[in-house]
Protein backbone atom coordinates (compact mmCIF):
# COMPACT_ATOMS: atom_id res chain seq x y z
CA UNK A 1 41.82 12.71 -120.71
CA UNK A 2 41.95 9.53 -117.53
CA UNK A 3 43.30 6.73 -119.04
CA UNK A 4 41.13 3.97 -119.47
CA UNK A 5 41.66 0.32 -118.87
CA UNK A 6 41.16 -2.33 -122.45
CA UNK A 7 37.04 -2.79 -123.06
CA UNK A 8 36.10 -0.05 -120.70
CA UNK A 9 34.31 3.34 -122.47
CA UNK A 10 34.44 6.55 -120.64
CA UNK A 11 30.97 7.22 -119.50
CA UNK A 12 28.55 9.73 -121.15
CA UNK A 13 27.82 12.78 -119.74
CA UNK A 14 23.80 13.18 -119.08
CA UNK A 15 21.94 15.54 -121.16
CA UNK A 16 21.51 19.07 -119.69
CA UNK A 17 17.52 18.82 -118.52
CA UNK A 18 15.02 21.27 -120.37
CA UNK A 19 14.84 24.84 -118.34
CA UNK A 20 12.29 27.20 -119.67
CA UNK A 21 12.95 30.63 -120.99
CA UNK A 22 11.30 33.67 -120.30
CA UNK A 23 9.89 33.79 -123.58
CA UNK A 24 8.59 30.30 -123.47
CA UNK A 25 6.39 30.93 -119.87
CA UNK A 26 5.01 34.03 -121.67
CA UNK A 27 3.87 31.26 -124.47
CA UNK A 28 2.76 28.78 -121.75
CA UNK A 29 0.64 31.96 -120.02
CA UNK A 30 -1.16 32.34 -123.27
CA UNK A 31 -1.68 28.68 -124.18
CA UNK A 32 -3.30 28.49 -120.68
CA UNK A 33 -6.02 31.30 -121.69
CA UNK A 34 -6.56 30.13 -125.18
CA UNK A 35 -6.76 26.36 -124.17
CA UNK A 36 -10.59 26.32 -123.26
CA UNK A 37 -12.04 28.97 -125.97
CA UNK A 38 -13.98 26.75 -128.27
CA UNK A 39 -15.24 29.48 -130.99
CA UNK A 40 -13.43 29.58 -134.24
CA UNK A 41 -13.50 32.59 -136.38
CA UNK A 42 -12.49 30.47 -139.54
CA UNK A 43 -14.35 26.85 -140.66
CA UNK A 44 -12.45 23.92 -139.96
CA UNK A 45 -9.81 22.51 -141.80
CA UNK A 46 -11.55 19.68 -143.50
CA UNK A 47 -8.25 18.38 -145.10
CA UNK A 48 -5.95 18.39 -141.59
CA UNK A 49 -9.46 17.05 -139.78
CA UNK A 50 -9.75 13.97 -142.13
CA UNK A 51 -5.85 12.85 -141.91
CA UNK A 52 -6.17 13.10 -138.13
CA UNK A 53 -8.89 11.27 -138.10
CA UNK A 54 -7.33 8.68 -140.50
CA UNK A 55 -4.85 8.30 -138.29
CA UNK A 56 -6.46 8.15 -135.36
CA UNK A 57 -8.65 4.94 -136.58
CA UNK A 58 -5.50 3.39 -137.88
CA UNK A 59 -4.15 3.24 -134.19
CA UNK A 60 -7.21 1.07 -133.73
CA UNK A 61 -6.45 -1.56 -136.94
CA UNK A 62 -9.77 0.20 -138.90
CA UNK A 63 -9.47 2.14 -142.28
CA UNK A 64 -11.54 5.06 -141.87
CA UNK A 65 -15.00 4.84 -143.11
CA UNK A 66 -16.76 7.80 -144.65
CA UNK A 67 -17.07 10.88 -142.89
CA UNK A 68 -20.26 12.79 -142.46
CA UNK A 69 -19.50 16.66 -141.74
CA UNK A 70 -22.35 18.85 -140.12
CA UNK A 71 -21.44 22.46 -139.66
CA UNK A 72 -23.78 22.85 -136.39
CA UNK A 73 -26.38 20.83 -134.12
CA UNK A 74 -29.06 21.83 -136.40
CA UNK A 75 -27.57 19.88 -139.38
CA UNK A 76 -26.10 17.52 -137.04
CA UNK A 77 -30.14 16.54 -136.50
CA UNK A 78 -31.76 17.13 -139.73
CA UNK A 79 -29.19 15.67 -142.02
CA UNK A 80 -29.17 12.54 -139.65
CA UNK A 81 -32.46 12.03 -139.88
CA UNK A 82 -32.56 12.45 -143.81
CA UNK A 83 -29.97 9.85 -143.56
CA UNK A 84 -32.09 7.42 -141.15
CA UNK A 85 -35.04 8.39 -143.79
CA UNK A 86 -32.80 7.13 -146.50
CA UNK A 87 -31.95 3.91 -145.01
CA UNK A 88 -35.65 2.70 -143.40
CA UNK A 89 -37.30 3.81 -146.73
CA UNK A 90 -34.83 1.98 -148.97
CA UNK A 91 -36.69 -0.94 -151.35
CA UNK A 92 -40.20 -0.97 -151.38
CA UNK A 93 -40.33 2.48 -150.05
CA UNK A 94 -38.89 4.42 -152.39
CA UNK A 95 -41.83 6.32 -153.75
CA UNK A 96 -42.40 7.77 -150.24
CA UNK A 97 -38.83 8.72 -150.02
CA UNK A 98 -39.18 10.34 -153.82
CA UNK A 99 -42.17 11.75 -152.20
CA UNK A 100 -41.33 13.20 -149.15
CA UNK A 101 -38.44 15.03 -151.15
CA UNK A 102 -40.39 16.91 -153.40
CA UNK A 103 -42.69 18.01 -150.75
CA UNK A 104 -39.48 19.26 -148.41
CA UNK A 105 -40.49 23.34 -149.70
CA UNK A 106 -38.26 24.89 -146.79
CA UNK A 107 -34.92 26.11 -148.06
CA UNK A 108 -33.20 25.01 -145.15
CA UNK A 109 -34.48 21.39 -145.40
CA UNK A 110 -33.65 21.31 -149.22
CA UNK A 111 -30.07 22.28 -148.62
CA UNK A 112 -29.88 20.01 -145.73
CA UNK A 113 -30.95 17.12 -148.30
CA UNK A 114 -28.69 18.31 -151.28
CA UNK A 115 -25.59 18.57 -148.68
CA UNK A 116 -26.25 15.07 -147.38
CA UNK A 117 -26.60 13.89 -151.50
CA UNK A 118 -23.01 15.39 -151.79
CA UNK A 119 -21.63 13.64 -149.07
CA UNK A 120 -23.09 10.27 -149.39
CA UNK A 121 -21.88 10.11 -153.32
CA UNK A 122 -20.07 6.42 -153.69
CA UNK A 123 -21.28 6.16 -150.00
CA UNK A 124 -22.69 2.54 -150.38
CA UNK A 125 -25.92 2.43 -147.78
CA UNK A 126 -27.53 -0.66 -146.35
CA UNK A 127 -30.06 -2.52 -148.64
CA UNK A 128 -33.04 -2.73 -146.05
CA UNK A 129 -30.92 -3.30 -143.30
CA UNK A 130 -33.79 -1.56 -140.87
CA UNK A 131 -33.96 -5.24 -139.33
CA UNK A 132 -30.56 -3.93 -136.94
CA UNK A 133 -31.05 -0.21 -137.58
CA UNK A 134 -29.32 2.37 -136.90
CA UNK A 135 -26.55 -0.29 -136.35
CA UNK A 136 -26.75 -1.74 -139.58
CA UNK A 137 -26.07 2.30 -141.26
CA UNK A 138 -22.98 3.03 -138.73
CA UNK A 139 -21.59 0.04 -137.13
CA UNK A 140 -20.48 -0.28 -133.71
CA UNK A 141 -19.20 2.73 -131.82
CA UNK A 142 -15.37 2.70 -131.33
CA UNK A 143 -15.11 6.03 -129.97
CA UNK A 144 -14.14 4.55 -126.77
CA UNK A 145 -11.41 1.97 -128.07
CA UNK A 146 -9.73 5.19 -129.67
CA UNK A 147 -9.94 7.60 -126.52
CA UNK A 148 -8.28 4.61 -124.38
CA UNK A 149 -5.15 4.32 -127.07
CA UNK A 150 -4.67 8.17 -127.22
CA UNK A 151 -4.58 8.51 -123.32
CA UNK A 152 -2.07 5.74 -122.93
CA UNK A 153 -0.12 7.92 -125.64
CA UNK A 154 -0.35 10.79 -122.96
CA UNK A 155 0.59 8.53 -120.51
CA UNK A 156 3.72 7.68 -122.01
CA UNK A 157 4.61 10.84 -123.26
CA UNK A 158 4.36 12.26 -119.83
CA UNK A 159 7.23 9.43 -118.78
CA UNK A 160 9.63 10.62 -121.24
CA UNK A 161 8.97 14.16 -120.79
CA UNK A 162 9.78 13.54 -117.08
CA UNK A 163 13.32 12.57 -117.79
CA UNK A 164 13.73 14.95 -120.13
CA UNK A 165 12.76 18.62 -118.20
CA UNK A 166 14.27 20.21 -115.28
CA UNK A 167 12.16 20.34 -111.68
CA UNK A 168 11.30 23.93 -112.08
CA UNK A 169 10.36 23.41 -115.73
CA UNK A 170 7.99 20.42 -114.58
CA UNK A 171 6.35 22.70 -111.59
CA UNK A 172 5.99 25.26 -113.91
CA UNK A 173 3.82 23.50 -116.69
CA UNK A 174 2.22 21.53 -113.79
CA UNK A 175 0.59 24.95 -112.77
CA UNK A 176 -1.49 25.47 -115.84
CA UNK A 177 -3.72 22.63 -114.78
CA UNK A 178 -3.85 24.27 -111.37
CA UNK A 179 -4.94 27.20 -109.22
CA UNK A 180 -4.80 28.11 -105.98
CA UNK A 181 -7.91 28.22 -103.48
CA UNK A 182 -8.50 30.79 -100.72
CA UNK A 183 -6.25 28.33 -98.31
CA UNK A 184 -3.44 28.40 -100.93
CA UNK A 185 -3.99 24.71 -101.99
CA UNK A 186 -2.87 24.13 -105.77
CA UNK A 187 -6.44 22.52 -107.03
CA UNK A 188 -6.80 20.78 -110.53
CA UNK A 189 -8.66 23.00 -112.81
CA UNK A 190 -11.03 20.84 -114.06
CA UNK A 191 -12.23 19.55 -111.08
CA UNK A 192 -13.27 23.22 -109.78
CA UNK A 193 -13.79 25.46 -112.98
CA UNK A 194 -17.39 24.56 -115.14
CA UNK A 195 -16.02 24.51 -118.54
CA UNK A 196 -18.06 24.48 -121.84
CA UNK A 197 -16.76 21.02 -122.56
CA UNK A 198 -18.08 19.69 -119.33
CA UNK A 199 -21.32 21.40 -119.82
CA UNK A 200 -22.03 20.41 -123.14
CA UNK A 201 -20.53 16.69 -122.58
CA UNK A 202 -23.54 15.88 -120.09
CA UNK A 203 -26.53 17.27 -122.23
CA UNK A 204 -28.14 15.62 -125.12
CA UNK A 205 -28.23 17.52 -128.52
CA UNK A 206 -32.22 17.76 -128.62
CA UNK A 207 -32.23 19.72 -125.70
CA UNK A 208 -29.74 22.34 -127.67
CA UNK A 209 -32.00 22.52 -130.39
CA UNK A 210 -35.47 22.28 -128.89
CA UNK A 211 -38.38 19.73 -130.01
CA UNK A 212 -39.58 21.75 -132.73
CA UNK A 213 -37.84 19.97 -135.52
CA UNK A 214 -40.36 17.22 -135.91
CA UNK A 215 -43.11 19.69 -136.15
CA UNK A 216 -41.00 21.47 -138.77
CA UNK A 217 -40.45 18.62 -140.98
CA UNK A 218 -44.07 16.98 -140.55
CA UNK A 219 -45.88 20.35 -141.39
CA UNK A 220 -44.28 20.28 -144.88
CA UNK A 221 -45.86 16.89 -145.87
CA UNK A 222 -49.01 16.41 -147.40
CA UNK A 223 -51.58 14.46 -145.12
CA UNK A 224 -51.28 11.61 -147.11
CA UNK A 225 -47.64 11.51 -146.86
CA UNK A 226 -47.62 11.95 -143.00
CA UNK A 227 -49.43 9.13 -142.39
CA UNK A 228 -47.50 7.22 -144.76
CA UNK A 229 -44.35 8.08 -142.95
CA UNK A 230 -46.16 7.17 -139.55
CA UNK A 231 -46.69 4.20 -140.74
CA UNK A 232 -43.03 3.41 -142.09
CA UNK A 233 -41.56 4.44 -138.78
CA UNK A 234 -43.62 3.07 -136.58
CA UNK A 235 -42.48 -0.47 -138.43
CA UNK A 236 -38.91 0.50 -138.81
CA UNK A 237 -37.78 2.49 -136.39
CA UNK A 238 -37.21 0.62 -132.71
CA UNK A 239 -38.29 2.18 -129.62
CA UNK A 240 -34.65 2.34 -128.05
CA UNK A 241 -35.79 4.88 -125.27
CA UNK A 242 -37.61 1.98 -123.74
CA UNK A 243 -34.13 0.35 -122.75
CA UNK A 244 -33.22 3.33 -120.69
CA UNK A 245 -36.69 3.95 -118.79
CA UNK A 246 -37.61 6.95 -121.12
CA UNK A 247 -40.98 7.57 -122.67
CA UNK A 248 -41.79 5.87 -125.64
CA UNK A 249 -44.98 7.30 -126.43
CA UNK A 250 -44.21 10.25 -128.64
CA UNK A 251 -45.21 10.41 -132.54
CA UNK A 252 -43.55 7.53 -134.78
CA UNK A 253 -41.94 10.27 -136.89
CA UNK A 254 -39.89 11.84 -133.25
CA UNK A 255 -38.65 8.17 -133.19
CA UNK A 256 -36.92 9.21 -136.29
CA UNK A 257 -35.29 12.01 -135.21
CA UNK A 258 -33.53 10.24 -132.28
CA UNK A 259 -31.91 7.13 -133.86
CA UNK A 260 -29.25 8.48 -134.02
CA UNK A 261 -28.49 10.92 -131.88
CA UNK A 262 -27.97 10.93 -128.33
CA UNK A 263 -25.18 12.88 -126.30
CA UNK A 264 -22.76 15.37 -127.75
CA UNK A 265 -19.00 14.01 -127.83
CA UNK A 266 -17.08 16.97 -127.33
CA UNK A 267 -13.39 16.64 -128.13
CA UNK A 268 -12.01 17.06 -124.88
CA UNK A 269 -8.47 16.65 -123.30
CA UNK A 270 -7.07 14.34 -120.86
CA UNK A 271 -5.00 14.98 -117.57
CA UNK A 272 -1.85 16.24 -118.38
CA UNK A 273 -2.73 17.04 -122.13
CA UNK A 274 -2.30 20.87 -121.97
CA UNK A 275 1.20 20.58 -120.82
CA UNK A 276 2.69 17.86 -122.67
CA UNK A 277 0.67 19.46 -126.01
CA UNK A 278 2.83 22.93 -125.17
CA UNK A 279 6.18 21.03 -124.70
CA UNK A 280 5.67 19.14 -128.12
CA UNK A 281 5.05 22.38 -130.11
CA UNK A 282 7.69 24.68 -128.30
CA UNK A 283 10.20 23.02 -126.35
CA UNK A 284 13.48 20.62 -127.70
CA UNK A 285 11.87 17.40 -126.24
CA UNK A 286 12.76 14.26 -127.91
CA UNK A 287 9.54 11.74 -128.37
CA UNK A 288 9.16 9.29 -131.01
CA UNK A 289 6.66 10.19 -133.79
CA UNK A 290 4.11 6.88 -132.77
CA UNK A 291 3.60 8.78 -129.36
CA UNK A 292 3.47 12.73 -130.98
CA UNK A 293 1.48 12.08 -134.06
CA UNK A 294 -2.07 10.73 -132.23
CA UNK A 295 -1.67 13.42 -129.26
CA UNK A 296 -1.37 16.24 -131.66
CA UNK A 297 -4.30 14.51 -133.84
CA UNK A 298 -6.36 14.59 -131.07
CA UNK A 299 -5.81 18.67 -130.66
CA UNK A 300 -6.60 18.89 -134.12
CA UNK A 301 -9.94 17.43 -133.22
CA UNK A 302 -10.32 19.99 -130.37
CA UNK A 303 -9.37 22.99 -132.19
CA UNK A 304 -11.71 22.46 -135.10
CA UNK A 305 -14.79 20.04 -134.14
CA UNK A 306 -17.46 20.26 -131.66
CA UNK A 307 -18.25 16.75 -132.05
CA UNK A 308 -16.87 13.68 -132.99
CA UNK A 309 -18.05 9.94 -133.25
CA UNK A 310 -16.34 6.94 -134.06
CA UNK A 311 -18.11 4.41 -135.57
CA UNK A 312 -16.89 1.54 -138.09
CA UNK A 313 -18.89 2.39 -141.00
CA UNK A 314 -19.69 6.32 -140.65
CA UNK A 315 -17.35 9.16 -138.94
CA UNK A 316 -19.62 11.53 -137.73
CA UNK A 317 -18.27 14.89 -136.99
CA UNK A 318 -19.43 18.63 -136.44
CA UNK A 319 -17.88 22.24 -136.55
CA UNK A 320 -17.08 24.26 -133.92
CA UNK A 321 -19.00 27.42 -133.12
CA UNK A 322 -18.33 30.83 -134.80
CA UNK A 323 -18.75 32.45 -131.72
CA UNK A 324 -19.29 31.90 -127.94
CA UNK A 325 -19.87 34.09 -125.13
CA UNK A 326 -18.85 33.11 -121.54
CA UNK A 327 -18.69 34.65 -117.80
CA UNK A 328 -15.68 35.19 -115.38
CA UNK A 329 -16.73 31.52 -114.63
CA UNK A 330 -15.80 30.11 -118.06
CA UNK A 331 -19.74 29.42 -118.33
CA UNK A 332 -21.52 29.91 -121.47
CA UNK A 333 -23.78 33.19 -120.60
CA UNK A 334 -25.10 35.88 -122.50
CA UNK A 335 -27.90 37.65 -121.31
CA UNK A 336 -28.94 39.83 -124.49
CA UNK A 337 -28.71 37.55 -127.24
CA UNK A 338 -27.41 34.25 -128.02
CA UNK A 339 -24.46 32.66 -126.34
CA UNK A 340 -23.29 30.68 -128.86
CA UNK A 341 -23.95 30.20 -132.67
CA UNK A 342 -22.37 28.21 -135.63
CA UNK A 343 -22.47 28.55 -139.52
CA UNK A 344 -25.44 26.39 -139.74
CA UNK A 345 -27.62 28.95 -138.02
CA UNK A 346 -28.34 27.22 -135.12
CA UNK A 347 -28.48 29.62 -131.84
CA UNK A 348 -27.77 28.44 -128.49
CA UNK A 349 -29.32 30.87 -125.65
CA UNK A 350 -27.62 30.05 -122.14
CA UNK A 351 -27.82 31.54 -118.73
CA UNK A 352 -24.68 30.95 -116.19
CA UNK A 353 -23.96 28.15 -118.17
CA UNK A 354 -27.62 26.59 -118.31
CA UNK A 355 -28.98 26.39 -121.85
CA UNK A 356 -32.42 28.39 -122.07
CA UNK A 357 -34.88 29.08 -124.50
CA UNK A 358 -34.39 32.01 -126.88
CA UNK A 359 -37.35 33.92 -125.03
CA UNK A 360 -35.74 33.55 -121.60
CA UNK A 361 -32.93 36.19 -123.41
CA UNK A 362 -34.18 37.61 -126.89
CA UNK A 363 -38.44 37.53 -125.93
CA UNK A 364 -39.07 38.20 -122.44
CA UNK A 365 -42.40 39.56 -123.03
CA UNK A 366 -43.53 36.09 -124.85
CA UNK A 367 -42.53 34.11 -121.28
CA UNK A 368 -45.88 33.11 -119.73
CA UNK A 369 -46.78 31.60 -116.74
CA UNK A 370 -47.57 28.16 -118.52
CA UNK A 371 -44.80 27.79 -120.04
CA UNK A 372 -42.79 28.44 -116.58
CA UNK A 373 -44.85 25.44 -114.99
CA UNK A 374 -44.41 22.82 -117.74
CA UNK A 375 -40.95 23.36 -117.85
CA UNK A 376 -39.47 20.28 -116.26
CA UNK A 377 -35.62 21.59 -116.12
CA UNK A 378 -35.83 23.21 -112.13
CA UNK A 379 -32.68 25.51 -113.09
CA UNK A 380 -34.58 26.79 -116.32
CA UNK A 381 -37.78 27.22 -114.63
CA UNK A 382 -35.85 29.81 -112.18
CA UNK A 383 -34.62 31.32 -114.73
CA UNK A 384 -37.90 31.89 -116.88
CA UNK A 385 -39.19 33.45 -113.33
CA UNK A 386 -36.39 35.55 -112.52
CA UNK A 387 -36.83 37.13 -116.11
CA UNK A 388 -40.38 37.18 -116.15
CA UNK A 389 -40.21 38.93 -112.94
CA UNK A 390 -40.81 37.59 -108.97
CA UNK A 391 -43.37 40.26 -108.43
CA UNK A 392 -45.64 39.76 -111.95
CA UNK A 393 -45.12 36.02 -111.46
CA UNK A 394 -46.76 35.78 -107.87
CA UNK A 395 -49.41 37.84 -109.16
CA UNK A 396 -50.09 36.12 -112.46
CA UNK A 397 -49.96 32.56 -111.02
CA UNK A 398 -52.05 32.53 -108.28
CA UNK A 399 -49.57 32.69 -105.05
CA UNK A 400 -51.20 32.35 -101.87
CA UNK A 401 -50.22 35.22 -98.99
CA UNK A 402 -49.37 32.82 -95.83
CA UNK A 403 -48.04 35.98 -93.54
CA UNK A 404 -47.57 39.42 -93.39
CA UNK A 405 -46.62 41.49 -90.52
CA UNK A 406 -44.47 44.55 -90.16
CA UNK A 407 -41.49 43.14 -91.32
CA UNK A 408 -42.58 42.36 -94.78
CA UNK A 409 -45.34 39.62 -97.17
CA UNK A 410 -44.33 35.94 -97.34
CA UNK A 411 -45.89 34.26 -100.60
CA UNK A 412 -46.00 30.36 -101.05
CA UNK A 413 -46.32 29.02 -104.69
CA UNK A 414 -46.56 25.44 -105.41
CA UNK A 415 -44.54 24.06 -108.13
CA UNK A 416 -44.89 20.50 -110.16
CA UNK A 417 -41.99 18.36 -109.64
CA UNK A 418 -39.91 21.01 -107.91
CA UNK A 419 -39.87 22.65 -104.10
CA UNK A 420 -42.33 25.53 -103.60
CA UNK A 421 -41.32 28.93 -104.19
CA UNK A 422 -41.59 30.84 -100.83
CA UNK A 423 -41.07 34.79 -101.23
CA UNK A 424 -40.93 37.43 -98.64
CA UNK A 425 -41.59 40.90 -100.00
CA UNK A 426 -39.77 43.85 -97.91
CA UNK A 427 -39.76 47.60 -98.48
CA UNK A 428 -36.61 49.41 -99.21
CA UNK A 429 -36.82 52.22 -95.98
CA UNK A 430 -34.96 54.87 -98.52
CA UNK A 431 -37.55 56.95 -100.23
CA UNK A 432 -37.07 57.37 -103.96
CA UNK A 433 -36.80 60.89 -105.46
CA UNK A 434 -40.43 61.09 -106.31
CA UNK A 435 -41.69 59.67 -102.83
CA UNK A 436 -42.26 56.30 -103.21
CA UNK A 437 -40.31 53.55 -101.58
CA UNK A 438 -39.23 50.26 -103.76
CA UNK A 439 -39.97 46.60 -102.92
CA UNK A 440 -38.37 43.88 -103.23
CA UNK A 441 -38.92 40.19 -103.56
CA UNK A 442 -36.14 37.61 -101.56
CA UNK A 443 -36.60 34.00 -102.44
CA UNK A 444 -36.19 31.81 -99.15
CA UNK A 445 -36.26 28.38 -97.87
CA UNK A 446 -39.53 26.40 -98.37
CA UNK A 447 -39.62 25.40 -94.68
CA UNK A 448 -40.22 29.37 -93.51
CA UNK A 449 -43.57 30.25 -92.66
CA UNK A 450 -43.74 33.76 -91.23
CA UNK A 451 -42.28 37.01 -92.58
CA UNK A 452 -40.20 37.91 -89.66
CA UNK A 453 -38.28 34.32 -89.91
CA UNK A 454 -38.02 34.77 -93.60
CA UNK A 455 -36.38 38.32 -93.40
CA UNK A 456 -34.30 37.25 -90.52
CA UNK A 457 -32.75 34.37 -92.80
CA UNK A 458 -31.44 36.52 -95.38
CA UNK A 459 -29.25 38.00 -92.31
CA UNK A 460 -28.37 34.53 -91.57
CA UNK A 461 -29.96 35.31 -88.27
CA UNK A 462 -32.66 33.00 -86.01
CA UNK A 463 -36.07 34.54 -85.69
CA UNK A 464 -35.59 35.08 -81.75
CA UNK A 465 -32.00 36.75 -83.01
CA UNK A 466 -33.61 39.29 -85.36
CA UNK A 467 -34.26 42.27 -83.10
CA UNK A 468 -33.49 45.29 -85.31
CA UNK A 469 -34.05 48.66 -83.71
CA UNK A 470 -34.27 49.90 -86.78
CA UNK A 471 -35.31 48.40 -90.50
CA UNK A 472 -32.65 49.19 -92.97
């Protein structure tokens, strides 16, 4: 050992940088394939989730409030509605509340009320707090504050891991967030792949379960009870939708169903969360607990929940679905049944990432022209037309024939709040075994006015260039 002068210390050797073993590479690939799966074949672990929630609240200096737990989107709406009703009917309207309770005969609604009573046991609800309803009930939304703190932990973890991993290990971990496009450029997966969390993070909760719950609720009540409930809701539930320029002319009870719910808040992932979680779980990295604990608590929410909203006085959570079917692009899709089901009995139907009514999949024969033309969502309307059948729709809806020649027949159907449907009908020249020729309906842009131009467009040609020697 070389001599050192007085007071000098031998320079410590830098620790070896972490490499990935073949087994760890296989584990990383497995994590990548499972990361965006949202369905769970088991109920959420409530003890583990509540412990994680408590620590996340503590991270911003707040004691965890009461947790309201729902098994699916239907309960998320129905039980929140019953909770809102309990608050606005407190005090002078207790008799009305008891009357409504006795008239709710549907087993599902009765069980929801029992479930809510059990969860609220020992929870202090605001008395006559409707003047500032619903904030008097739930307090301020602190979801952004918690998620911001969590993202800071992700950044801190990334900085510390960068000093502990070898370059090949870093590159391999980065690949789980990227894929090669046609030009061999690495692009972020979250920017190019339509994931379930993105789909539901942008959708209103009521759009998932339809608008029939208000009617389902009120039809159980006697006329006098309905009248009293309407009066109560008109007085106590503010028309908050007016703040966003939305319609406020709905029935008073309908406002009650919207008072606590807006958009789903799916527990999702920040940039670089996936490789950081892998490093924490599978590699001998050294990170302080104050960084790893909130990261893994967030992963617990991601693995067990479909919705979470952090309020000062309430924490609202919803179980992950027990089934979710995806297409090859990770979009929610099932053309023969519900694409997603929950333990509360809620079924969600979707077609290539578009949430559709159940009739679009399970009861095609019940689709009507009136339903199609009343549908406000353009994508849903086009799926309904597809399922109804283009030929049948053109005939039943009174589409207008605007051109016909040897190339085909061109139809035009005007739709409210959408571009017109323009379709060319062409004949397959190949004769079927029974001696007939099949017709095909091809949708073309609305500016096309001749059948020949429409057929040419389907071949990516102009009308002048389209000179077929023989139709094929």
